[in-house]
């Protein structure tokens, strides 16, 4: 619930900031557009025919008697309709808007200013989104390693603290036919049954025991990847083997980890079983592998 609340708060904050950025950028664009339009109209007025040398019969000795065709209230811009000879503000703005080459230099400046403002507002957000778009979740290699760590810890605990301990005290024993004999299941059976339960919950995660010398054929390698992985683990048990497998139209990530003889109960079962093709296992030998399969879709 805490993560959900934080996510909702972050989403609302993002929307608020985005709207504020949009308003600021819109105001900047509108002001630049208004200035640009005013500049263009003044340039057009400049290109029109020049007025008479003495408009309105103005006497040189009385410059204040000059009149214009329109009043300041009717002018489209604040400075229009005033006497340029007496109003220095008009003279300043006229030189600003009509100086030769000024418009040619101002247009690129306005464009690059808008571009810079857009980058300052939106650039960091775009880079942040790009950085997070390529990492939607945990890589399958790490997910498989986490699952294997849990499987290994559970199996070791069951083998050493339950099976070996109770057999050493003579309380009970572990047997392949544990249901009929009211005994403990073997460590290998413990892993097989837990893997069956994991496959039935609909998560798509599967794990099982495989070996080059299986007692039962269902535990033989089912693909070239599993077979090659078992051969590799015999030489280097510290390096798991991973790959992509296809089942129907779906792809799965598969990781094979070593299955070590961690208990004497495992060794006695394989070395004494009538169907076992190999009967010389020793403690800590690589007896096979644990294949973990994860869906990629």
C-alpha atoms as a PDB file:
ATOM      1  CA  UNK A   1       0.000   0.000   0.000  1.00  0.00           C
ATOM      2  CA  UNK A   2       2.907   2.374   0.760  1.00  0.00           C
ATOM      3  CA  UNK A   3       4.422   1.810  -2.691  1.00  0.00           C
ATOM      4  CA  UNK A   4       1.050   2.410  -4.342  1.00  0.00           C
ATOM      5  CA  UNK A   5       0.599   5.696  -2.467  1.00  0.00           C
ATOM      6  CA  UNK A   6       4.101   6.834  -3.403  1.00  0.00           C
ATOM      7  CA  UNK A   7       3.484   5.933  -7.047  1.00  0.00           C
ATOM      8  CA  UNK A   8       0.188   7.867  -7.116  1.00  0.00           C
ATOM      9  CA  UNK A   9       1.826  10.879  -5.472  1.00  0.00           C
ATOM     10  CA  UNK A  10       4.696  10.794  -7.995  1.00  0.00           C
ATOM     11  CA  UNK A  11       2.247  10.573 -10.909  1.00  0.00           C
ATOM     12  CA  UNK A  12       0.189  13.515  -9.637  1.00  0.00           C
ATOM     13  CA  UNK A  13       3.332  15.584  -9.061  1.00  0.00           C
ATOM     14  CA  UNK A  14       4.544  14.801 -12.584  1.00  0.00           C
ATOM     15  CA  UNK A  15       1.236  15.928 -14.110  1.00  0.00           C
ATOM     16  CA  UNK A  16       1.275  19.163 -12.074  1.00  0.00           C
ATOM     17  CA  UNK A  17       4.848  20.006 -13.074  1.00  0.00           C
ATOM     18  CA  UNK A  18       4.157  19.139 -16.710  1.00  0.00           C
ATOM     19  CA  UNK A  19       1.140  21.475 -16.814  1.00  0.00           C
ATOM     20  CA  UNK A  20       3.122  24.273 -15.202  1.00  0.00           C
ATOM     21  CA  UNK A  21       5.940  23.830 -17.700  1.00  0.00           C
ATOM     22  CA  UNK A  22       3.457  23.851 -20.554  1.00  0.00           C
ATOM     23  CA  UNK A  23       1.903  27.153 -19.383  1.00  0.00           C
ATOM     24  CA  UNK A  24       5.296  28.836 -19.038  1.00  0.00           C
ATOM     25  CA  UNK A  25       6.389  27.651 -22.460  1.00  0.00           C
ATOM     26  CA  UNK A  26       3.111  28.759 -24.036  1.00  0.00           C
ATOM     27  CA  UNK A  27       3.448  32.250 -22.532  1.00  0.00           C
ATOM     28  CA  UNK A  28       6.991  32.520 -23.869  1.00  0.00           C
ATOM     29  CA  UNK A  29       5.901  31.458 -27.338  1.00  0.00           C
ATOM     30  CA  UNK A  30       2.948  33.872 -27.363  1.00  0.00           C
ATOM     31  CA  UNK A  31       5.135  36.819 -26.338  1.00  0.00           C
ATOM     32  CA  UNK A  32       7.724  35.962 -28.963  1.00  0.00           C
ATOM     33  CA  UNK A  33       5.011  35.578 -31.608  1.00  0.00           C
ATOM     34  CA  UNK A  34       3.441  38.955 -30.692  1.00  0.00           C
ATOM     35  CA  UNK A  35       6.814  40.708 -30.864  1.00  0.00           C
ATOM     36  CA  UNK A  36       7.604  39.038 -34.165  1.00  0.00           C
ATOM     37  CA  UNK A  37       4.234  40.066 -35.663  1.00  0.00           C
ATOM     38  CA  UNK A  38       4.670  43.647 -34.478  1.00  0.00           C
ATOM     39  CA  UNK A  39       8.145  43.761 -35.967  1.00  0.00           C
ATOM     40  CA  UNK A  40       6.908  42.467 -39.317  1.00  0.00           C
ATOM     41  CA  UNK A  41       4.090  45.056 -39.509  1.00  0.00           C
ATOM     42  CA  UNK A  42       6.474  47.910 -38.705  1.00  0.00           C
ATOM     43  CA  UNK A  43       8.795  46.672 -41.435  1.00  0.00           C
ATOM     44  CA  UNK A  44       5.862  46.712 -43.874  1.00  0.00           C
ATOM     45  CA  UNK A  45       4.973  50.288 -42.878  1.00  0.00           C
ATOM     46  CA  UNK A  46       8.561  51.331 -43.386  1.00  0.00           C
ATOM     47  CA  UNK A  47       8.485  50.079 -46.970  1.00  0.00           C
ATOM     48  CA  UNK A  48       5.476  52.239 -47.891  1.00  0.00           C
ATOM     49  CA  UNK A  49       5.768  55.598 -49.676  1.00  0.00           C
ATOM     50  CA  UNK A  50       7.387  58.370 -47.641  1.00  0.00           C
ATOM     51  CA  UNK A  51       5.037  61.140 -46.379  1.00  0.00           C
ATOM     52  CA  UNK A  52       5.264  64.713 -47.710  1.00  0.00           C
ATOM     53  CA  UNK A  53       8.096  66.842 -46.486  1.00  0.00           C
ATOM     54  CA  UNK A  54       5.731  69.168 -44.583  1.00  0.00           C
ATOM     55  CA  UNK A  55       2.603  67.161 -43.695  1.00  0.00           C
ATOM     56  CA  UNK A  56      -0.429  69.074 -42.492  1.00  0.00           C
ATOM     57  CA  UNK A  57       1.163  72.480 -43.233  1.00  0.00           C
ATOM     58  CA  UNK A  58       3.398  72.386 -40.210  1.00  0.00           C
ATOM     59  CA  UNK A  59       5.552  75.405 -39.756  1.00  0.00           C
ATOM     60  CA  UNK A  60       9.213  74.741 -38.950  1.00  0.00           C
ATOM     61  CA  UNK A  61       9.007  77.341 -36.233  1.00  0.00           C
ATOM     62  CA  UNK A  62       6.093  75.537 -34.552  1.00  0.00           C
ATOM     63  CA  UNK A  63       6.910  71.804 -34.473  1.00  0.00           C
ATOM     64  CA  UNK A  64       4.322  71.182 -31.759  1.00  0.00           C
ATOM     65  CA  UNK A  65       1.526  71.971 -34.191  1.00  0.00           C
ATOM     66  CA  UNK A  66       2.190  68.759 -36.123  1.00  0.00           C
ATOM     67  CA  UNK A  67      -0.871  66.491 -36.470  1.00  0.00           C
ATOM     68  CA  UNK A  68      -1.156  62.917 -37.582  1.00  0.00           C
ATOM     69  CA  UNK A  69      -3.966  61.210 -39.430  1.00  0.00           C
ATOM     70  CA  UNK A  70      -4.827  59.066 -36.453  1.00  0.00           C
ATOM     71  CA  UNK A  71      -4.971  59.669 -32.744  1.00  0.00           C
ATOM     72  CA  UNK A  72      -2.983  57.627 -30.190  1.00  0.00           C
ATOM     73  CA  UNK A  73      -6.228  55.903 -29.158  1.00  0.00           C
ATOM     74  CA  UNK A  74      -6.894  54.715 -32.711  1.00  0.00           C
ATOM     75  CA  UNK A  75      -3.327  53.599 -33.396  1.00  0.00           C
ATOM     76  CA  UNK A  76      -2.641  49.860 -33.533  1.00  0.00           C
ATOM     77  CA  UNK A  77       0.506  50.267 -31.421  1.00  0.00           C
ATOM     78  CA  UNK A  78       1.139  52.543 -28.424  1.00  0.00           C
ATOM     79  CA  UNK A  79       3.737  54.710 -30.179  1.00  0.00           C
ATOM     80  CA  UNK A  80       1.813  55.318 -33.406  1.00  0.00           C
ATOM     81  CA  UNK A  81       0.255  58.794 -33.830  1.00  0.00           C
ATOM     82  CA  UNK A  82       2.885  60.664 -31.815  1.00  0.00           C
ATOM     83  CA  UNK A  83       5.333  63.261 -32.996  1.00  0.00           C
ATOM     84  CA  UNK A  84       8.725  61.693 -33.489  1.00  0.00           C
ATOM     85  CA  UNK A  85      10.398  65.077 -33.239  1.00  0.00           C
ATOM     86  CA  UNK A  86       9.199  65.705 -29.687  1.00  0.00           C
ATOM     87  CA  UNK A  87       8.676  62.175 -28.304  1.00  0.00           C
ATOM     88  CA  UNK A  88      12.025  60.547 -27.732  1.00  0.00           C
ATOM     89  CA  UNK A  89      10.404  57.275 -26.709  1.00  0.00           C
ATOM     90  CA  UNK A  90       8.946  56.959 -30.173  1.00  0.00           C
ATOM     91  CA  UNK A  91      12.321  57.712 -31.701  1.00  0.00           C
ATOM     92  CA  UNK A  92      13.950  55.010 -29.565  1.00  0.00           C
ATOM     93  CA  UNK A  93      11.385  52.333 -30.413  1.00  0.00           C
ATOM     94  CA  UNK A  94      11.378  53.240 -34.073  1.00  0.00           C
ATOM     95  CA  UNK A  95      15.115  52.801 -34.236  1.00  0.00           C
ATOM     96  CA  UNK A  96      14.774  49.527 -32.362  1.00  0.00           C
ATOM     97  CA  UNK A  97      12.242  48.042 -34.710  1.00  0.00           C
ATOM     98  CA  UNK A  98      13.447  49.488 -37.992  1.00  0.00           C
ATOM     99  CA  UNK A  99      17.206  49.517 -37.717  1.00  0.00           C
ATOM    100  CA  UNK A 100      18.779  47.937 -40.833  1.00  0.00           C
ATOM    101  CA  UNK A 101      19.556  44.255 -40.316  1.00  0.00           C
ATOM    102  CA  UNK A 102      17.923  44.191 -36.895  1.00  0.00           C
ATOM    103  CA  UNK A 103      15.081  41.892 -37.935  1.00  0.00           C
ATOM    104  CA  UNK A 104      17.438  39.479 -39.678  1.00  0.00           C
ATOM    105  CA  UNK A 105      19.455  39.128 -36.498  1.00  0.00           C
ATOM    106  CA  UNK A 106      16.477  38.967 -34.153  1.00  0.00           C
ATOM    107  CA  UNK A 107      14.644  36.068 -35.800  1.00  0.00           C
ATOM    108  CA  UNK A 108      17.441  33.482 -35.229  1.00  0.00           C
ATOM    109  CA  UNK A 109      17.913  34.813 -31.700  1.00  0.00           C
ATOM    110  CA  UNK A 110      14.233  34.297 -30.883  1.00  0.00           C
ATOM    111  CA  UNK A 111      14.280  30.817 -32.412  1.00  0.00           C
ATOM    112  CA  UNK A 112      17.317  29.675 -30.446  1.00  0.00           C
ATOM    113  CA  UNK A 113      15.943  31.236 -27.257  1.00  0.00           C
ATOM    114  CA  UNK A 114      12.738  29.200 -27.605  1.00  0.00           C
ATOM    115  CA  UNK A 115      14.794  26.086 -28.341  1.00  0.00           C
ATOM    116  CA  UNK A 116      16.966  26.654 -25.259  1.00  0.00           C
ATOM    117  CA  UNK A 117      13.954  27.200 -23.002  1.00  0.00           C
ATOM    118  CA  UNK A 118      12.309  24.029 -24.324  1.00  0.00           C
ATOM    119  CA  UNK A 119      15.447  22.005 -23.638  1.00  0.00           C
ATOM    120  CA  UNK A 120      15.878  23.397 -20.127  1.00  0.00           C
ATOM    121  CA  UNK A 121      12.275  22.545 -19.239  1.00  0.00           C
ATOM    122  CA  UNK A 122      11.801  19.231 -21.005  1.00  0.00           C
ATOM    123  CA  UNK A 123      15.324  17.868 -21.538  1.00  0.00           C
ATOM    124  CA  UNK A 124      15.955  16.343 -18.079  1.00  0.00           C
ATOM    125  CA  UNK A 125      12.531  14.704 -18.073  1.00  0.00           C
ATOM    126  CA  UNK A 126      13.141  13.163 -21.500  1.00  0.00           C
ATOM    127  CA  UNK A 127      16.539  11.806 -20.466  1.00  0.00           C
ATOM    128  CA  UNK A 128      15.080  10.359 -17.284  1.00  0.00           C
ATOM    129  CA  UNK A 129      12.280   8.616 -19.202  1.00  0.00           C
ATOM    130  CA  UNK A 130      14.779   7.248 -21.697  1.00  0.00           C
ATOM    131  CA  UNK A 131      16.959   5.907 -18.948  1.00  0.00           C
ATOM    132  CA  UNK A 132      14.095   3.987 -17.312  1.00  0.00           C
ATOM    133  CA  UNK A 133      12.380   2.702 -20.454  1.00  0.00           C
ATOM    134  CA  UNK A 134      15.007   0.029 -21.106  1.00  0.00           C
ATOM    135  CA  UNK A 135      14.794  -1.554 -17.617  1.00  0.00           C
ATOM    136  CA  UNK A 136      11.207  -2.663 -16.943  1.00  0.00           C
ATOM    137  CA  UNK A 137      12.088  -5.351 -14.389  1.00  0.00           C
ATOM    138  CA  UNK A 138      14.619  -7.795 -12.930  1.00  0.00           C
ATOM    139  CA  UNK A 139      16.818  -9.524 -15.549  1.00  0.00           C
ATOM    140  CA  UNK A 140      16.005 -13.239 -15.898  1.00  0.00           C
ATOM    141  CA  UNK A 141      19.540 -14.201 -14.863  1.00  0.00           C
ATOM    142  CA  UNK A 142      19.087 -12.516 -11.487  1.00  0.00           C
ATOM    143  CA  UNK A 143      15.558 -13.863 -11.059  1.00  0.00           C
ATOM    144  CA  UNK A 144      16.802 -17.415 -11.654  1.00  0.00           C
ATOM    145  CA  UNK A 145      19.682 -16.887  -9.217  1.00  0.00           C
ATOM    146  CA  UNK A 146      17.244 -15.707  -6.528  1.00  0.00           C
ATOM    147  CA  UNK A 147      15.015 -18.753  -7.047  1.00  0.00           C
ATOM    148  CA  UNK A 148      17.985 -21.121  -6.925  1.00  0.00           C
ATOM    149  CA  UNK A 149      19.174 -19.562  -3.663  1.00  0.00           C
ATOM    150  CA  UNK A 150      15.776 -20.260  -2.073  1.00  0.00           C
ATOM    151  CA  UNK A 151      15.625 -23.824  -3.446  1.00  0.00           C
ATOM    152  CA  UNK A 152      19.141 -24.576  -2.246  1.00  0.00           C
ATOM    153  CA  UNK A 153      18.493 -23.194   1.244  1.00  0.00           C
ATOM    154  CA  UNK A 154      15.208 -25.113   1.661  1.00  0.00           C
ATOM    155  CA  UNK A 155      16.652 -28.377   0.432  1.00  0.00           C
ATOM    156  CA  UNK A 156      19.787 -28.084   2.590  1.00  0.00           C
ATOM    157  CA  UNK A 157      17.696 -27.353   5.668  1.00  0.00           C
ATOM    158  CA  UNK A 158      15.392 -30.298   5.013  1.00  0.00           C
ATOM    159  CA  UNK A 159      18.304 -32.653   4.333  1.00  0.00           C
ATOM    160  CA  UNK A 160      20.591 -31.791   7.239  1.00  0.00           C
ATOM    161  CA  UNK A 161      18.220 -30.671  10.006  1.00  0.00           C
ATOM    162  CA  UNK A 162      15.338 -33.068   9.379  1.00  0.00           C
ATOM    163  CA  UNK A 163      16.369 -36.164   7.443  1.00  0.00           C
ATOM    164  CA  UNK A 164      19.921 -36.608   8.713  1.00  0.00           C
ATOM    165  CA  UNK A 165      19.057 -35.523  12.263  1.00  0.00           C
ATOM    166  CA  UNK A 166      16.039 -37.788  12.692  1.00  0.00           C
ATOM    167  CA  UNK A 167      17.776 -40.763  11.088  1.00  0.00           C
ATOM    168  CA  UNK A 168      20.817 -40.289  13.346  1.00  0.00           C
ATOM    169  CA  UNK A 169      18.589 -40.362  16.421  1.00  0.00           C
ATOM    170  CA  UNK A 170      16.704 -43.396  15.157  1.00  0.00           C
ATOM    171  CA  UNK A 171      13.361 -41.583  15.180  1.00  0.00           C
ATOM    172  CA  UNK A 172      12.482 -42.338  11.562  1.00  0.00           C
ATOM    173  CA  UNK A 173      14.101 -42.817   8.176  1.00  0.00           C
ATOM    174  CA  UNK A 174      13.764 -41.422   4.661  1.00  0.00           C
ATOM    175  CA  UNK A 175      12.421 -43.716   1.956  1.00  0.00           C
ATOM    176  CA  UNK A 176      11.415 -43.550  -1.681  1.00  0.00           C
ATOM    177  CA  UNK A 177       8.047 -45.060  -0.697  1.00  0.00           C
ATOM    178  CA  UNK A 178       7.556 -42.663   2.177  1.00  0.00           C
ATOM    179  CA  UNK A 179       3.772 -42.544   1.858  1.00  0.00           C
ATOM    180  CA  UNK A 180       3.322 -46.292   2.269  1.00  0.00           C
ATOM    181  CA  UNK A 181       6.006 -46.675   4.940  1.00  0.00           C
ATOM    182  CA  UNK A 182       5.081 -43.565   6.972  1.00  0.00           C
ATOM    183  CA  UNK A 183       8.617 -42.295   6.532  1.00  0.00           C
ATOM    184  CA  UNK A 184      10.257 -39.091   5.418  1.00  0.00           C
ATOM    185  CA  UNK A 185      10.484 -38.294   1.716  1.00  0.00           C
ATOM    186  CA  UNK A 186      13.954 -38.248   0.212  1.00  0.00           C
ATOM    187  CA  UNK A 187      15.610 -34.832  -0.337  1.00  0.00           C
ATOM    188  CA  UNK A 188      15.284 -35.324  -4.107  1.00  0.00           C
ATOM    189  CA  UNK A 189      11.572 -36.019  -3.723  1.00  0.00           C
ATOM    190  CA  UNK A 190      11.192 -32.946  -1.535  1.00  0.00           C
ATOM    191  CA  UNK A 191      12.522 -30.785  -4.402  1.00  0.00           C
ATOM    192  CA  UNK A 192      10.434 -32.586  -7.026  1.00  0.00           C
ATOM    193  CA  UNK A 193       7.174 -32.148  -5.125  1.00  0.00           C
ATOM    194  CA  UNK A 194       7.839 -28.486  -4.328  1.00  0.00           C
ATOM    195  CA  UNK A 195       8.621 -27.889  -8.017  1.00  0.00           C
ATOM    196  CA  UNK A 196       5.318 -29.522  -8.972  1.00  0.00           C
ATOM    197  CA  UNK A 197       3.422 -27.232  -6.604  1.00  0.00           C
ATOM    198  CA  UNK A 198       5.225 -24.179  -8.035  1.00  0.00           C
ATOM    199  CA  UNK A 199       4.250 -25.190 -11.585  1.00  0.00           C
ATOM    200  CA  UNK A 200       0.592 -25.590 -10.599  1.00  0.00           C
ATOM    201  CA  UNK A 201       0.120 -22.067  -9.225  1.00  0.00           C
ATOM    202  CA  UNK A 202       0.025 -20.511 -12.725  1.00  0.00           C
ATOM    203  CA  UNK A 203       3.110 -18.298 -12.409  1.00  0.00           C
ATOM    204  CA  UNK A 204       4.909 -20.041 -15.269  1.00  0.00           C
ATOM    205  CA  UNK A 205       7.953 -20.798 -13.090  1.00  0.00           C
ATOM    206  CA  UNK A 206       9.179 -24.389 -13.196  1.00  0.00           C
ATOM    207  CA  UNK A 207      12.133 -26.179 -11.682  1.00  0.00           C
ATOM    208  CA  UNK A 208      13.095 -29.841 -11.611  1.00  0.00           C
ATOM    209  CA  UNK A 209      15.978 -32.246 -11.157  1.00  0.00           C
ATOM    210  CA  UNK A 210      17.848 -33.561 -14.201  1.00  0.00           C
ATOM    211  CA  UNK A 211      20.850 -35.857 -14.506  1.00  0.00           C
ATOM    212  CA  UNK A 212      23.049 -37.748 -16.910  1.00  0.00           C
ATOM    213  CA  UNK A 213      22.463 -40.946 -14.891  1.00  0.00           C
ATOM    214  CA  UNK A 214      18.821 -40.642 -13.825  1.00  0.00           C
ATOM    215  CA  UNK A 215      17.080 -43.410 -11.936  1.00  0.00           C
ATOM    216  CA  UNK A 216      13.886 -42.568 -13.816  1.00  0.00           C
ATOM    217  CA  UNK A 217      13.703 -41.393 -17.424  1.00  0.00           C
ATOM    218  CA  UNK A 218      11.543 -38.397 -16.523  1.00  0.00           C
ATOM    219  CA  UNK A 219      14.653 -36.873 -14.939  1.00  0.00           C
ATOM    220  CA  UNK A 220      16.785 -37.186 -18.091  1.00  0.00           C
ATOM    221  CA  UNK A 221      17.788 -34.007 -19.981  1.00  0.00           C
ATOM    222  CA  UNK A 222      14.975 -32.868 -22.283  1.00  0.00           C
ATOM    223  CA  UNK A 223      17.040 -30.735 -24.676  1.00  0.00           C
ATOM    224  CA  UNK A 224      20.537 -30.180 -26.000  1.00  0.00           C
ATOM    225  CA  UNK A 225      20.834 -27.175 -23.688  1.00  0.00           C
ATOM    226  CA  UNK A 226      20.202 -29.319 -20.613  1.00  0.00           C
ATOM    227  CA  UNK A 227      22.513 -32.087 -21.821  1.00  0.00           C
ATOM    228  CA  UNK A 228      25.374 -29.713 -22.603  1.00  0.00           C
ATOM    229  CA  UNK A 229      24.796 -27.905 -19.316  1.00  0.00           C
ATOM    230  CA  UNK A 230      25.170 -31.142 -17.318  1.00  0.00           C
ATOM    231  CA  UNK A 231      28.434 -31.898 -19.080  1.00  0.00           C
ATOM    232  CA  UNK A 232      29.693 -28.399 -18.370  1.00  0.00           C
ATOM    233  CA  UNK A 233      28.693 -28.543 -14.701  1.00  0.00           C
ATOM    234  CA  UNK A 234      30.733 -31.701 -14.200  1.00  0.00           C
ATOM    235  CA  UNK A 235      33.852 -29.730 -15.163  1.00  0.00           C
ATOM    236  CA  UNK A 236      32.919 -26.409 -13.565  1.00  0.00           C
ATOM    237  CA  UNK A 237      30.121 -26.682 -10.981  1.00  0.00           C
ATOM    238  CA  UNK A 238      30.518 -23.034  -9.927  1.00  0.00           C
ATOM    239  CA  UNK A 239      29.359 -21.660 -13.277  1.00  0.00           C
ATOM    240  CA  UNK A 240      25.650 -22.141 -14.100  1.00  0.00           C
ATOM    241  CA  UNK A 241      24.584 -22.534 -17.724  1.00  0.00           C
ATOM    242  CA  UNK A 242      21.823 -20.368 -19.179  1.00  0.00           C
ATOM    243  CA  UNK A 243      19.948 -20.164 -22.471  1.00  0.00           C
ATOM    244  CA  UNK A 244      16.655 -19.520 -24.262  1.00  0.00           C
ATOM    245  CA  UNK A 245      14.258 -22.377 -25.023  1.00  0.00           C
ATOM    246  CA  UNK A 246      11.038 -22.384 -27.044  1.00  0.00           C
ATOM    247  CA  UNK A 247       7.840 -24.231 -26.239  1.00  0.00           C
ATOM    248  CA  UNK A 248       5.100 -23.739 -28.804  1.00  0.00           C
ATOM    249  CA  UNK A 249       4.936 -20.024 -29.536  1.00  0.00           C
ATOM    250  CA  UNK A 250       6.442 -18.934 -26.222  1.00  0.00           C
ATOM    251  CA  UNK A 251      10.045 -18.402 -25.213  1.00  0.00           C
ATOM    252  CA  UNK A 252      11.495 -19.232 -21.817  1.00  0.00           C
ATOM    253  CA  UNK A 253      14.710 -18.449 -20.031  1.00  0.00           C
ATOM    254  CA  UNK A 254      16.403 -21.491 -18.544  1.00  0.00           C
ATOM    255  CA  UNK A 255      19.240 -21.722 -16.038  1.00  0.00           C
ATOM    256  CA  UNK A 256      20.838 -25.010 -14.927  1.00  0.00           C
ATOM    257  CA  UNK A 257      22.633 -25.132 -11.568  1.00  0.00           C
ATOM    258  CA  UNK A 258      24.584 -28.065 -10.093  1.00  0.00           C
ATOM    259  CA  UNK A 259      22.868 -30.644  -7.888  1.00  0.00           C
ATOM    260  CA  UNK A 260      25.451 -31.741  -5.333  1.00  0.00           C
ATOM    261  CA  UNK A 261      25.456 -34.786  -3.086  1.00  0.00           C
ATOM    262  CA  UNK A 262      25.076 -32.813   0.145  1.00  0.00           C
ATOM    263  CA  UNK A 263      23.876 -35.709   2.283  1.00  0.00           C
ATOM    264  CA  UNK A 264      24.675 -39.326   2.866  1.00  0.00           C
ATOM    265  CA  UNK A 265      21.004 -40.110   2.312  1.00  0.00           C
ATOM    266  CA  UNK A 266      21.331 -38.947  -1.316  1.00  0.00           C
ATOM    267  CA  UNK A 267      24.439 -41.073  -1.858  1.00  0.00           C
ATOM    268  CA  UNK A 268      22.922 -44.196  -0.302  1.00  0.00           C
ATOM    269  CA  UNK A 269      19.792 -43.880  -2.438  1.00  0.00           C
ATOM    270  CA  UNK A 270      21.603 -43.561  -5.775  1.00  0.00           C
ATOM    271  CA  UNK A 271      24.349 -46.061  -5.034  1.00  0.00           C
ATOM    272  CA  UNK A 272      21.936 -48.672  -3.685  1.00  0.00           C
ATOM    273  CA  UNK A 273      19.000 -48.280  -6.070  1.00  0.00           C
ATOM    274  CA  UNK A 274      18.397 -51.151  -8.483  1.00  0.00           C
ATOM    275  CA  UNK A 275      17.611 -48.810 -11.403  1.00  0.00           C
ATOM    276  CA  UNK A 276      20.547 -46.484 -10.858  1.00  0.00           C
ATOM    277  CA  UNK A 277      23.042 -46.508 -13.791  1.00  0.00           C
ATOM    278  CA  UNK A 278      25.803 -45.046 -11.572  1.00  0.00           C
ATOM    279  CA  UNK A 279      26.616 -46.383  -8.099  1.00  0.00           C
ATOM    280  CA  UNK A 280      29.875 -44.754  -7.072  1.00  0.00           C
ATOM    281  CA  UNK A 281      28.786 -41.311  -5.947  1.00  0.00           C
ATOM    282  CA  UNK A 282      30.692 -39.638  -3.154  1.00  0.00           C
ATOM    283  CA  UNK A 283      29.889 -36.720  -0.903  1.00  0.00           C
ATOM    284  CA  UNK A 284      29.792 -33.342  -2.725  1.00  0.00           C
ATOM    285  CA  UNK A 285      29.858 -34.992  -6.165  1.00  0.00           C
ATOM    286  CA  UNK A 286      27.818 -33.403  -8.954  1.00  0.00           C
ATOM    287  CA  UNK A 287      24.914 -35.832  -9.205  1.00  0.00           C
ATOM    288  CA  UNK A 288      22.988 -33.800 -11.763  1.00  0.00           C
ATOM    289  CA  UNK A 289      21.461 -30.365 -12.134  1.00  0.00           C
ATOM    290  CA  UNK A 290      18.550 -28.182 -11.073  1.00  0.00           C
ATOM    291  CA  UNK A 291      16.863 -26.710 -14.154  1.00  0.00           C
ATOM    292  CA  UNK A 292      14.944 -23.461 -13.529  1.00  0.00           C
ATOM    293  CA  UNK A 293      12.673 -22.218 -16.289  1.00  0.00           C
ATOM    294  CA  UNK A 294      11.135 -18.716 -16.386  1.00  0.00           C
ATOM    295  CA  UNK A 295       8.668 -17.280 -18.953  1.00  0.00           C
ATOM    296  CA  UNK A 296       9.925 -14.307 -20.971  1.00  0.00           C
ATOM    297  CA  UNK A 297       6.487 -12.993 -21.978  1.00  0.00           C
END
